Amino acid sequence: MAKKKIREPKWTHPGGKLLEKGADALSDAELLSILIGTGIKGKPAVKIGEEIIQKFDSFRGMSEQPLEKFLKIKGLGDVKIIRIAAAFEIARRIVEEVIKEYEPDKK
């Protein structure tokens, strides 16, 4: 009987992992790395994402920071910070819509 090959994942980066396993399979740092896009020499995007999470403790902790604090993280520039800020604004608007759906009608 022939041995079955163990299937290797098709993707090794977070975007591929998201496609293969779903967004819920990614860590916070991996999700951030998708927004960050690329790293810098010696520091891939996932490592930058890990550093951000470590520095601010959570997505909520990140959301409470001025954008200038992100500039102190090596590997983040204006474009990457703008992407992160836009993602947080999208999330905020989604939460706002959900809250409005559950508010009692004001008469």
PDB file of N, CA and C in Angstrom:
ATOM      1  N   MET A   1       0.841  -1.180   0.000  1.00  0.00           N
ATOM      2  CA  MET A   1       0.000   0.000   0.000  1.00  0.00           C
ATOM      3  C   MET A   1       0.884   1.240   0.000  1.00  0.00           C
ATOM      4  N   ALA A   2       0.576   2.196  -0.854  1.00  0.00           N
ATOM      5  CA  ALA A   2       1.365   3.416  -0.987  1.00  0.00           C
ATOM      6  C   ALA A   2       1.093   4.347   0.195  1.00  0.00           C
ATOM      7  N   LYS A   3       2.159   5.020   0.613  1.00  0.00           N
ATOM      8  CA  LYS A   3       2.015   5.982   1.707  1.00  0.00           C
ATOM      9  C   LYS A   3       1.356   7.246   1.169  1.00  0.00           C
ATOM     10  N   LYS A   4       0.485   7.810   1.988  1.00  0.00           N
ATOM     11  CA  LYS A   4      -0.137   9.080   1.618  1.00  0.00           C
ATOM     12  C   LYS A   4       0.822  10.206   1.945  1.00  0.00           C
ATOM     13  N   LYS A   5       0.908  11.148   1.032  1.00  0.00           N
ATOM     14  CA  LYS A   5       1.730  12.326   1.267  1.00  0.00           C
ATOM     15  C   LYS A   5       0.986  13.287   2.180  1.00  0.00           C
ATOM     16  N   ILE A   6       1.719  13.883   3.084  1.00  0.00           N
ATOM     17  CA  ILE A   6       1.131  14.934   3.904  1.00  0.00           C
ATOM     18  C   ILE A   6       1.054  16.178   3.032  1.00  0.00           C
ATOM     19  N   ARG A   7      -0.120  16.748   2.977  1.00  0.00           N
ATOM     20  CA  ARG A   7      -0.332  17.912   2.114  1.00  0.00           C
ATOM     21  C   ARG A   7       0.329  19.139   2.720  1.00  0.00           C
ATOM     22  N   GLU A   8       1.218  19.707   1.965  1.00  0.00           N
ATOM     23  CA  GLU A   8       1.878  20.941   2.385  1.00  0.00           C
ATOM     24  C   GLU A   8       0.935  22.113   2.115  1.00  0.00           C
ATOM     25  N   PRO A   9       0.945  23.098   3.010  1.00  0.00           N
ATOM     26  CA  PRO A   9       0.115  24.275   2.733  1.00  0.00           C
ATOM     27  C   PRO A   9       0.579  24.956   1.445  1.00  0.00           C
ATOM     28  N   LYS A  10      -0.380  25.500   0.714  1.00  0.00           N
ATOM     29  CA  LYS A  10      -0.055  26.179  -0.537  1.00  0.00           C
ATOM     30  C   LYS A  10       0.656  27.501  -0.271  1.00  0.00           C
ATOM     31  N   TRP A  11       0.364  28.095   0.842  1.00  0.00           N
ATOM     32  CA  TRP A  11       0.841  29.437   1.117  1.00  0.00           C
ATOM     33  C   TRP A  11       1.628  29.466   2.413  1.00  0.00           C
ATOM     34  N   THR A  12       2.627  30.313   2.462  1.00  0.00           N
ATOM     35  CA  THR A  12       3.387  30.465   3.694  1.00  0.00           C
ATOM     36  C   THR A  12       3.217  31.856   4.291  1.00  0.00           C
ATOM     37  N   HIS A  13       2.642  32.775   3.559  1.00  0.00           N
ATOM     38  CA  HIS A  13       2.438  34.123   4.071  1.00  0.00           C
ATOM     39  C   HIS A  13       1.005  34.284   4.575  1.00  0.00           C
ATOM     40  N   PRO A  14       0.749  35.288   5.426  1.00  0.00           N
ATOM     41  CA  PRO A  14      -0.585  35.451   6.025  1.00  0.00           C
ATOM     42  C   PRO A  14      -1.728  35.595   5.028  1.00  0.00           C
ATOM     43  N   GLY A  15      -1.508  36.263   3.905  1.00  0.00           N
ATOM     44  CA  GLY A  15      -2.583  36.396   2.917  1.00  0.00           C
ATOM     45  C   GLY A  15      -3.011  35.049   2.365  1.00  0.00           C
ATOM     46  N   GLY A  16      -2.041  34.209   2.087  1.00  0.00           N
ATOM     47  CA  GLY A  16      -2.347  32.865   1.620  1.00  0.00           C
ATOM     48  C   GLY A  16      -3.009  32.025   2.689  1.00  0.00           C
ATOM     49  N   LYS A  17      -2.554  32.184   3.908  1.00  0.00           N
ATOM     50  CA  LYS A  17      -3.161  31.454   5.028  1.00  0.00           C
ATOM     51  C   LYS A  17      -4.622  31.865   5.176  1.00  0.00           C
ATOM     52  N   LEU A  18      -4.903  33.158   5.000  1.00  0.00           N
ATOM     53  CA  LEU A  18      -6.278  33.633   5.075  1.00  0.00           C
ATOM     54  C   LEU A  18      -7.131  32.968   4.000  1.00  0.00           C
ATOM     55  N   LEU A  19      -6.604  32.901   2.778  1.00  0.00           N
ATOM     56  CA  LEU A  19      -7.335  32.259   1.686  1.00  0.00           C
ATOM     57  C   LEU A  19      -7.576  30.780   1.958  1.00  0.00           C
ATOM     58  N   GLU A  20      -6.555  30.132   2.487  1.00  0.00           N
ATOM     59  CA  GLU A  20      -6.622  28.690   2.684  1.00  0.00           C
ATOM     60  C   GLU A  20      -7.441  28.282   3.909  1.00  0.00           C
ATOM     61  N   LYS A  21      -7.297  29.040   5.006  1.00  0.00           N
ATOM     62  CA  LYS A  21      -7.907  28.617   6.276  1.00  0.00           C
ATOM     63  C   LYS A  21      -8.968  29.565   6.807  1.00  0.00           C
ATOM     64  N   GLY A  22      -9.052  30.766   6.250  1.00  0.00           N
ATOM     65  CA  GLY A  22     -10.016  31.742   6.746  1.00  0.00           C
ATOM     66  C   GLY A  22      -9.368  32.754   7.668  1.00  0.00           C
ATOM     67  N   ALA A  23      -9.978  33.929   7.750  1.00  0.00           N
ATOM     68  CA  ALA A  23      -9.415  35.029   8.529  1.00  0.00           C
ATOM     69  C   ALA A  23      -9.306  34.701  10.009  1.00  0.00           C
ATOM     70  N   ASP A  24     -10.222  33.901  10.512  1.00  0.00           N
ATOM     71  CA  ASP A  24     -10.194  33.584  11.941  1.00  0.00           C
ATOM     72  C   ASP A  24      -9.012  32.702  12.332  1.00  0.00           C
ATOM     73  N   ALA A  25      -8.317  32.127  11.361  1.00  0.00           N
ATOM     74  CA  ALA A  25      -7.145  31.298  11.640  1.00  0.00           C
ATOM     75  C   ALA A  25      -5.877  32.135  11.826  1.00  0.00           C
ATOM     76  N   LEU A  26      -5.958  33.427  11.551  1.00  0.00           N
ATOM     77  CA  LEU A  26      -4.787  34.296  11.636  1.00  0.00           C
ATOM     78  C   LEU A  26      -4.684  34.958  13.005  1.00  0.00           C
ATOM     79  N   SER A  27      -3.455  35.156  13.443  1.00  0.00           N
ATOM     80  CA  SER A  27      -3.210  35.906  14.680  1.00  0.00           C
ATOM     81  C   SER A  27      -3.415  37.392  14.391  1.00  0.00           C
ATOM     82  N   ASP A  28      -3.482  38.182  15.454  1.00  0.00           N
ATOM     83  CA  ASP A  28      -3.605  39.632  15.278  1.00  0.00           C
ATOM     84  C   ASP A  28      -2.432  40.179  14.474  1.00  0.00           C
ATOM     85  N   ALA A  29      -1.225  39.691  14.775  1.00  0.00           N
ATOM     86  CA  ALA A  29      -0.031  40.159  14.064  1.00  0.00           C
ATOM     87  C   ALA A  29      -0.097  39.796  12.583  1.00  0.00           C
ATOM     88  N   GLU A  30      -0.601  38.612  12.261  1.00  0.00           N
ATOM     89  CA  GLU A  30      -0.722  38.210  10.859  1.00  0.00           C
ATOM     90  C   GLU A  30      -1.740  39.081  10.123  1.00  0.00           C
ATOM     91  N   LEU A  31      -2.854  39.394  10.777  1.00  0.00           N
ATOM     92  CA  LEU A  31      -3.839  40.280  10.151  1.00  0.00           C
ATOM     93  C   LEU A  31      -3.228  41.651   9.886  1.00  0.00           C
ATOM     94  N   LEU A  32      -2.506  42.176  10.872  1.00  0.00           N
ATOM     95  CA  LEU A  32      -1.836  43.467  10.681  1.00  0.00           C
ATOM     96  C   LEU A  32      -0.836  43.409   9.546  1.00  0.00           C
ATOM     97  N   SER A  33      -0.119  42.292   9.433  1.00  0.00           N
ATOM     98  CA  SER A  33       0.907  42.186   8.392  1.00  0.00           C
ATOM     99  C   SER A  33       0.301  42.279   6.991  1.00  0.00           C
ATOM    100  N   ILE A  34      -0.934  41.849   6.845  1.00  0.00           N
ATOM    101  CA  ILE A  34      -1.609  41.966   5.551  1.00  0.00           C
ATOM    102  C   ILE A  34      -1.825  43.446   5.220  1.00  0.00           C
ATOM    103  N   LEU A  35      -2.212  44.235   6.215  1.00  0.00           N
ATOM    104  CA  LEU A  35      -2.375  45.676   6.001  1.00  0.00           C
ATOM    105  C   LEU A  35      -1.032  46.354   5.753  1.00  0.00           C
ATOM    106  N   ILE A  36      -0.017  45.907   6.465  1.00  0.00           N
ATOM    107  CA  ILE A  36       1.321  46.489   6.330  1.00  0.00           C
ATOM    108  C   ILE A  36       1.894  46.193   4.947  1.00  0.00           C
ATOM    109  N   GLY A  37       1.626  44.998   4.461  1.00  0.00           N
ATOM    110  CA  GLY A  37       2.056  44.631   3.111  1.00  0.00           C
ATOM    111  C   GLY A  37       3.458  44.064   3.066  1.00  0.00           C
ATOM    112  N   THR A  38       4.447  44.912   3.160  1.00  0.00           N
ATOM    113  CA  THR A  38       5.831  44.455   3.082  1.00  0.00           C
ATOM    114  C   THR A  38       6.601  44.910   4.305  1.00  0.00           C
ATOM    115  N   GLY A  39       7.618  44.148   4.624  1.00  0.00           N
ATOM    116  CA  GLY A  39       8.491  44.528   5.723  1.00  0.00           C
ATOM    117  C   GLY A  39       9.660  45.334   5.206  1.00  0.00           C
ATOM    118  N   ILE A  40      10.698  45.331   5.995  1.00  0.00           N
ATOM    119  CA  ILE A  40      11.944  45.974   5.611  1.00  0.00           C
ATOM    120  C   ILE A  40      13.050  44.934   5.732  1.00  0.00           C
ATOM    121  N   LYS A  41      14.225  45.261   5.289  1.00  0.00           N
ATOM    122  CA  LYS A  41      15.335  44.313   5.334  1.00  0.00           C
ATOM    123  C   LYS A  41      15.527  43.805   6.770  1.00  0.00           C
ATOM    124  N   GLY A  42      15.456  42.495   6.920  1.00  0.00           N
ATOM    125  CA  GLY A  42      15.654  41.867   8.221  1.00  0.00           C
ATOM    126  C   GLY A  42      14.439  41.896   9.127  1.00  0.00           C
ATOM    127  N   LYS A  43      13.332  42.448   8.658  1.00  0.00           N
ATOM    128  CA  LYS A  43      12.130  42.552   9.495  1.00  0.00           C
ATOM    129  C   LYS A  43      10.886  42.403   8.623  1.00  0.00           C
ATOM    130  N   PRO A  44      10.394  41.162   8.488  1.00  0.00           N
ATOM    131  CA  PRO A  44       9.207  40.957   7.660  1.00  0.00           C
ATOM    132  C   PRO A  44       7.965  41.619   8.273  1.00  0.00           C
ATOM    133  N   ALA A  45       6.947  41.760   7.470  1.00  0.00           N
ATOM    134  CA  ALA A  45       5.713  42.424   7.904  1.00  0.00           C
ATOM    135  C   ALA A  45       5.108  41.778   9.147  1.00  0.00           C
ATOM    136  N   VAL A  46       5.191  40.456   9.257  1.00  0.00           N
ATOM    137  CA  VAL A  46       4.631  39.773  10.438  1.00  0.00           C
ATOM    138  C   VAL A  46       5.369  40.226  11.704  1.00  0.00           C
ATOM    139  N   LYS A  47       6.678  40.390  11.621  1.00  0.00           N
ATOM    140  CA  LYS A  47       7.455  40.852  12.785  1.00  0.00           C
ATOM    141  C   LYS A  47       7.052  42.279  13.162  1.00  0.00           C
ATOM    142  N   ILE A  48       6.798  43.113  12.173  1.00  0.00           N
ATOM    143  CA  ILE A  48       6.343  44.479  12.448  1.00  0.00           C
ATOM    144  C   ILE A  48       4.981  44.409  13.147  1.00  0.00           C
ATOM    145  N   GLY A  49       4.099  43.541  12.646  1.00  0.00           N
ATOM    146  CA  GLY A  49       2.792  43.353  13.274  1.00  0.00           C
ATOM    147  C   GLY A  49       2.912  42.884  14.713  1.00  0.00           C
ATOM    148  N   GLU A  50       3.826  41.947  14.966  1.00  0.00           N
ATOM    149  CA  GLU A  50       4.047  41.453  16.336  1.00  0.00           C
ATOM    150  C   GLU A  50       4.526  42.582  17.244  1.00  0.00           C
ATOM    151  N   GLU A  51       5.419  43.417  16.720  1.00  0.00           N
ATOM    152  CA  GLU A  51       5.933  44.536  17.508  1.00  0.00           C
ATOM    153  C   GLU A  51       4.820  45.525  17.851  1.00  0.00           C
ATOM    154  N   ILE A  52       3.934  45.779  16.908  1.00  0.00           N
ATOM    155  CA  ILE A  52       2.818  46.695  17.153  1.00  0.00           C
ATOM    156  C   ILE A  52       1.917  46.144  18.259  1.00  0.00           C
ATOM    157  N   ILE A  53       1.557  44.871  18.143  1.00  0.00           N
ATOM    158  CA  ILE A  53       0.690  44.253  19.151  1.00  0.00           C
ATOM    159  C   ILE A  53       1.368  44.266  20.515  1.00  0.00           C
ATOM    160  N   GLN A  54       2.648  43.954  20.547  1.00  0.00           N
ATOM    161  CA  GLN A  54       3.389  43.949  21.812  1.00  0.00           C
ATOM    162  C   GLN A  54       3.413  45.354  22.428  1.00  0.00           C
ATOM    163  N   LYS A  55       3.616  46.358  21.610  1.00  0.00           N
ATOM    164  CA  LYS A  55       3.717  47.739  22.097  1.00  0.00           C
ATOM    165  C   LYS A  55       2.385  48.262  22.635  1.00  0.00           C
ATOM    166  N   PHE A  56       1.281  47.936  21.955  1.00  0.00           N
ATOM    167  CA  PHE A  56      -0.012  48.507  22.320  1.00  0.00           C
ATOM    168  C   PHE A  56      -0.976  47.498  22.954  1.00  0.00           C
ATOM    169  N   ASP A  57      -0.549  46.265  23.125  1.00  0.00           N
ATOM    170  CA  ASP A  57      -1.282  45.198  23.812  1.00  0.00           C
ATOM    171  C   ASP A  57      -2.443  44.568  23.039  1.00  0.00           C
ATOM    172  N   SER A  58      -3.118  45.322  22.193  1.00  0.00           N
ATOM    173  CA  SER A  58      -4.293  44.782  21.506  1.00  0.00           C
ATOM    174  C   SER A  58      -4.723  45.748  20.411  1.00  0.00           C
ATOM    175  N   PHE A  59      -5.711  45.319  19.627  1.00  0.00           N
ATOM    176  CA  PHE A  59      -6.275  46.224  18.625  1.00  0.00           C
ATOM    177  C   PHE A  59      -6.908  47.439  19.314  1.00  0.00           C
ATOM    178  N   ARG A  60      -7.588  47.186  20.410  1.00  0.00           N
ATOM    179  CA  ARG A  60      -8.209  48.309  21.136  1.00  0.00           C
ATOM    180  C   ARG A  60      -7.137  49.289  21.622  1.00  0.00           C
ATOM    181  N   GLY A  61      -6.047  48.751  22.151  1.00  0.00           N
ATOM    182  CA  GLY A  61      -4.954  49.608  22.587  1.00  0.00           C
ATOM    183  C   GLY A  61      -4.379  50.409  21.438  1.00  0.00           C
ATOM    184  N   MET A  62      -4.312  49.791  20.269  1.00  0.00           N
ATOM    185  CA  MET A  62      -3.831  50.493  19.080  1.00  0.00           C
ATOM    186  C   MET A  62      -4.769  51.637  18.701  1.00  0.00           C
ATOM    187  N   SER A  63      -6.069  51.365  18.789  1.00  0.00           N
ATOM    188  CA  SER A  63      -7.056  52.343  18.331  1.00  0.00           C
ATOM    189  C   SER A  63      -7.053  53.611  19.171  1.00  0.00           C
ATOM    190  N   GLU A  64      -6.487  53.531  20.360  1.00  0.00           N
ATOM    191  CA  GLU A  64      -6.478  54.680  21.260  1.00  0.00           C
ATOM    192  C   GLU A  64      -5.213  55.524  21.123  1.00  0.00           C
ATOM    193  N   GLN A  65      -4.351  55.181  20.176  1.00  0.00           N
ATOM    194  CA  GLN A  65      -3.060  55.863  20.018  1.00  0.00           C
ATOM    195  C   GLN A  65      -3.105  56.894  18.895  1.00  0.00           C
ATOM    196  N   PRO A  66      -2.403  58.003  19.080  1.00  0.00           N
ATOM    197  CA  PRO A  66      -2.266  58.938  17.955  1.00  0.00           C
ATOM    198  C   PRO A  66      -1.377  58.302  16.889  1.00  0.00           C
ATOM    199  N   LEU A  67      -1.610  58.643  15.654  1.00  0.00           N
ATOM    200  CA  LEU A  67      -0.858  58.053  14.546  1.00  0.00           C
ATOM    201  C   LEU A  67       0.646  58.276  14.674  1.00  0.00           C
ATOM    202  N   GLU A  68       1.047  59.354  15.304  1.00  0.00           N
ATOM    203  CA  GLU A  68       2.470  59.655  15.456  1.00  0.00           C
ATOM    204  C   GLU A  68       3.216  58.554  16.222  1.00  0.00           C
ATOM    205  N   LYS A  69       2.533  57.893  17.150  1.00  0.00           N
ATOM    206  CA  LYS A  69       3.190  56.826  17.926  1.00  0.00           C
ATOM    207  C   LYS A  69       3.593  55.657  17.036  1.00  0.00           C
ATOM    208  N   PHE A  70       2.871  55.454  15.962  1.00  0.00           N
ATOM    209  CA  PHE A  70       3.190  54.352  15.046  1.00  0.00           C
ATOM    210  C   PHE A  70       4.461  54.643  14.253  1.00  0.00           C
ATOM    211  N   LEU A  71       4.750  55.912  14.046  1.00  0.00           N
ATOM    212  CA  LEU A  71       5.956  56.283  13.296  1.00  0.00           C
ATOM    213  C   LEU A  71       7.236  55.885  14.028  1.00  0.00           C
ATOM    214  N   LYS A  72       7.137  55.647  15.324  1.00  0.00           N
ATOM    215  CA  LYS A  72       8.302  55.244  16.114  1.00  0.00           C
ATOM    216  C   LYS A  72       8.674  53.782  15.885  1.00  0.00           C
ATOM    217  N   ILE A  73       7.817  53.045  15.212  1.00  0.00           N
ATOM    218  CA  ILE A  73       8.072  51.625  14.953  1.00  0.00           C
ATOM    219  C   ILE A  73       8.801  51.499  13.625  1.00  0.00           C
ATOM    220  N   LYS A  74       9.997  50.941  13.678  1.00  0.00           N
ATOM    221  CA  LYS A  74      10.811  50.792  12.464  1.00  0.00           C
ATOM    222  C   LYS A  74      10.096  49.864  11.485  1.00  0.00           C
ATOM    223  N   GLY A  75       9.941  50.357  10.275  1.00  0.00           N
ATOM    224  CA  GLY A  75       9.263  49.584   9.241  1.00  0.00           C
ATOM    225  C   GLY A  75       7.887  50.136   8.904  1.00  0.00           C
ATOM    226  N   LEU A  76       7.423  51.097   9.696  1.00  0.00           N
ATOM    227  CA  LEU A  76       6.140  51.737   9.413  1.00  0.00           C
ATOM    228  C   LEU A  76       6.378  53.150   8.908  1.00  0.00           C
ATOM    229  N   GLY A  77       5.779  53.451   7.787  1.00  0.00           N
ATOM    230  CA  GLY A  77       5.816  54.800   7.234  1.00  0.00           C
ATOM    231  C   GLY A  77       4.395  55.294   7.071  1.00  0.00           C
ATOM    232  N   ASP A  78       4.256  56.435   6.466  1.00  0.00           N
ATOM    233  CA  ASP A  78       2.939  57.062   6.308  1.00  0.00           C
ATOM    234  C   ASP A  78       1.923  56.142   5.638  1.00  0.00           C
ATOM    235  N   VAL A  79       2.293  55.523   4.538  1.00  0.00           N
ATOM    236  CA  VAL A  79       1.342  54.707   3.774  1.00  0.00           C
ATOM    237  C   VAL A  79       0.833  53.533   4.616  1.00  0.00           C
ATOM    238  N   LYS A  80       1.731  52.854   5.290  1.00  0.00           N
ATOM    239  CA  LYS A  80       1.335  51.698   6.103  1.00  0.00           C
ATOM    240  C   LYS A  80       0.461  52.130   7.276  1.00  0.00           C
ATOM    241  N   ILE A  81       0.799  53.239   7.889  1.00  0.00           N
ATOM    242  CA  ILE A  81      -0.001  53.751   9.006  1.00  0.00           C
ATOM    243  C   ILE A  81      -1.382  54.182   8.516  1.00  0.00           C
ATOM    244  N   ILE A  82      -1.444  54.784   7.343  1.00  0.00           N
ATOM    245  CA  ILE A  82      -2.738  55.187   6.775  1.00  0.00           C
ATOM    246  C   ILE A  82      -3.616  53.969   6.519  1.00  0.00           C
ATOM    247  N   ARG A  83      -3.027  52.879   6.024  1.00  0.00           N
ATOM    248  CA  ARG A  83      -3.802  51.643   5.813  1.00  0.00           C
ATOM    249  C   ARG A  83      -4.389  51.136   7.121  1.00  0.00           C
ATOM    250  N   ILE A  84      -3.577  51.133   8.168  1.00  0.00           N
ATOM    251  CA  ILE A  84      -4.042  50.666   9.478  1.00  0.00           C
ATOM    252  C   ILE A  84      -5.146  51.581   9.995  1.00  0.00           C
ATOM    253  N   ALA A  85      -4.950  52.896   9.881  1.00  0.00           N
ATOM    254  CA  ALA A  85      -5.954  53.861  10.340  1.00  0.00           C
ATOM    255  C   ALA A  85      -7.267  53.683   9.575  1.00  0.00           C
ATOM    256  N   ALA A  86      -7.185  53.439   8.274  1.00  0.00           N
ATOM    257  CA  ALA A  86      -8.393  53.229   7.470  1.00  0.00           C
ATOM    258  C   ALA A  86      -9.127  51.964   7.914  1.00  0.00           C
ATOM    259  N   ALA A  87      -8.391  50.901   8.208  1.00  0.00           N
ATOM    260  CA  ALA A  87      -9.019  49.658   8.671  1.00  0.00           C
ATOM    261  C   ALA A  87      -9.741  49.884   9.999  1.00  0.00           C
ATOM    262  N   PHE A  88      -9.123  50.660  10.890  1.00  0.00           N
ATOM    263  CA  PHE A  88      -9.771  50.958  12.164  1.00  0.00           C
ATOM    264  C   PHE A  88     -11.022  51.801  11.973  1.00  0.00           C
ATOM    265  N   GLU A  89     -10.984  52.721  11.034  1.00  0.00           N
ATOM    266  CA  GLU A  89     -12.166  53.550  10.776  1.00  0.00           C
ATOM    267  C   GLU A  89     -13.301  52.703  10.189  1.00  0.00           C
ATOM    268  N   ILE A  90     -12.963  51.777   9.307  1.00  0.00           N
ATOM    269  CA  ILE A  90     -13.982  50.864   8.768  1.00  0.00           C
ATOM    270  C   ILE A  90     -14.608  50.063   9.905  1.00  0.00           C
ATOM    271  N   ALA A  91     -13.766  49.524  10.791  1.00  0.00           N
ATOM    272  CA  ALA A  91     -14.276  48.744  11.926  1.00  0.00           C
ATOM    273  C   ALA A  91     -15.173  49.610  12.817  1.00  0.00           C
ATOM    274  N   ARG A  92     -14.761  50.857  13.071  1.00  0.00           N
ATOM    275  CA  ARG A  92     -15.555  51.758  13.905  1.00  0.00           C
ATOM    276  C   ARG A  92     -16.930  52.006  13.288  1.00  0.00           C
ATOM    277  N   ARG A  93     -16.963  52.196  11.975  1.00  0.00           N
ATOM    278  CA  ARG A  93     -18.234  52.443  11.298  1.00  0.00           C
ATOM    279  C   ARG A  93     -19.137  51.213  11.314  1.00  0.00           C
ATOM    280  N   ILE A  94     -18.546  50.047  11.198  1.00  0.00           N
ATOM    281  CA  ILE A  94     -19.331  48.809  11.288  1.00  0.00           C
ATOM    282  C   ILE A  94     -19.961  48.701  12.672  1.00  0.00           C
ATOM    283  N   VAL A  95     -19.163  48.936  13.706  1.00  0.00           N
ATOM    284  CA  VAL A  95     -19.671  48.869  15.080  1.00  0.00           C
ATOM    285  C   VAL A  95     -20.791  49.882  15.270  1.00  0.00           C
ATOM    286  N   GLU A  96     -20.608  51.074  14.747  1.00  0.00           N
ATOM    287  CA  GLU A  96     -21.626  52.121  14.848  1.00  0.00           C
ATOM    288  C   GLU A  96     -22.940  51.668  14.199  1.00  0.00           C
ATOM    289  N   GLU A  97     -22.860  51.056  13.022  1.00  0.00           N
ATOM    290  CA  GLU A  97     -24.059  50.553  12.346  1.00  0.00           C
ATOM    291  C   GLU A  97     -24.744  49.466  13.158  1.00  0.00           C
ATOM    292  N   VAL A  98     -23.967  48.560  13.714  1.00  0.00           N
ATOM    293  CA  VAL A  98     -24.535  47.461  14.514  1.00  0.00           C
ATOM    294  C   VAL A  98     -25.218  48.024  15.751  1.00  0.00           C
ATOM    295  N   ILE A  99     -24.587  48.969  16.412  1.00  0.00           N
ATOM    296  CA  ILE A  99     -25.177  49.572  17.614  1.00  0.00           C
ATOM    297  C   ILE A  99     -26.496  50.246  17.268  1.00  0.00           C
ATOM    298  N   LYS A 100     -26.547  50.958  16.146  1.00  0.00           N
ATOM    299  CA  LYS A 100     -27.791  51.629  15.736  1.00  0.00           C
ATOM    300  C   LYS A 100     -28.904  50.619  15.500  1.00  0.00           C
ATOM    301  N   GLU A 101     -28.567  49.444  14.993  1.00  0.00           N
ATOM    302  CA  GLU A 101     -29.593  48.421  14.762  1.00  0.00           C
ATOM    303  C   GLU A 101     -30.233  47.950  16.058  1.00  0.00           C
ATOM    304  N   TYR A 102     -29.493  48.010  17.152  1.00  0.00           N
ATOM    305  CA  TYR A 102     -29.992  47.492  18.416  1.00  0.00           C
ATOM    306  C   TYR A 102     -30.508  48.565  19.352  1.00  0.00           C
ATOM    307  N   GLU A 103     -30.405  49.821  18.968  1.00  0.00           N
ATOM    308  CA  GLU A 103     -30.945  50.897  19.783  1.00  0.00           C
ATOM    309  C   GLU A 103     -32.461  50.897  19.669  1.00  0.00           C
ATOM    310  N   PRO A 104     -33.132  51.114  20.802  1.00  0.00           N
ATOM    311  CA  PRO A 104     -34.599  51.198  20.713  1.00  0.00           C
ATOM    312  C   PRO A 104     -34.984  52.444  19.926  1.00  0.00           C
ATOM    313  N   ASP A 105     -36.093  52.342  19.206  1.00  0.00           N
ATOM    314  CA  ASP A 105     -36.571  53.506  18.438  1.00  0.00           C
ATOM    315  C   ASP A 105     -36.820  54.680  19.364  1.00  0.00           C
ATOM    316  N   LYS A 106     -36.331  55.826  18.949  1.00  0.00           N
ATOM    317  CA  LYS A 106     -36.547  57.034  19.730  1.00  0.00           C
ATOM    318  C   LYS A 106     -37.812  57.708  19.212  1.00  0.00           C
ATOM    319  N   LYS A 107     -38.760  57.898  20.101  1.00  0.00           N
ATOM    320  CA  LYS A 107     -40.033  58.493  19.699  1.00  0.00           C
ATOM    321  C   LYS A 107     -40.261  59.804  20.370  1.00  0.00           C
TER     322      LYS A 107
END
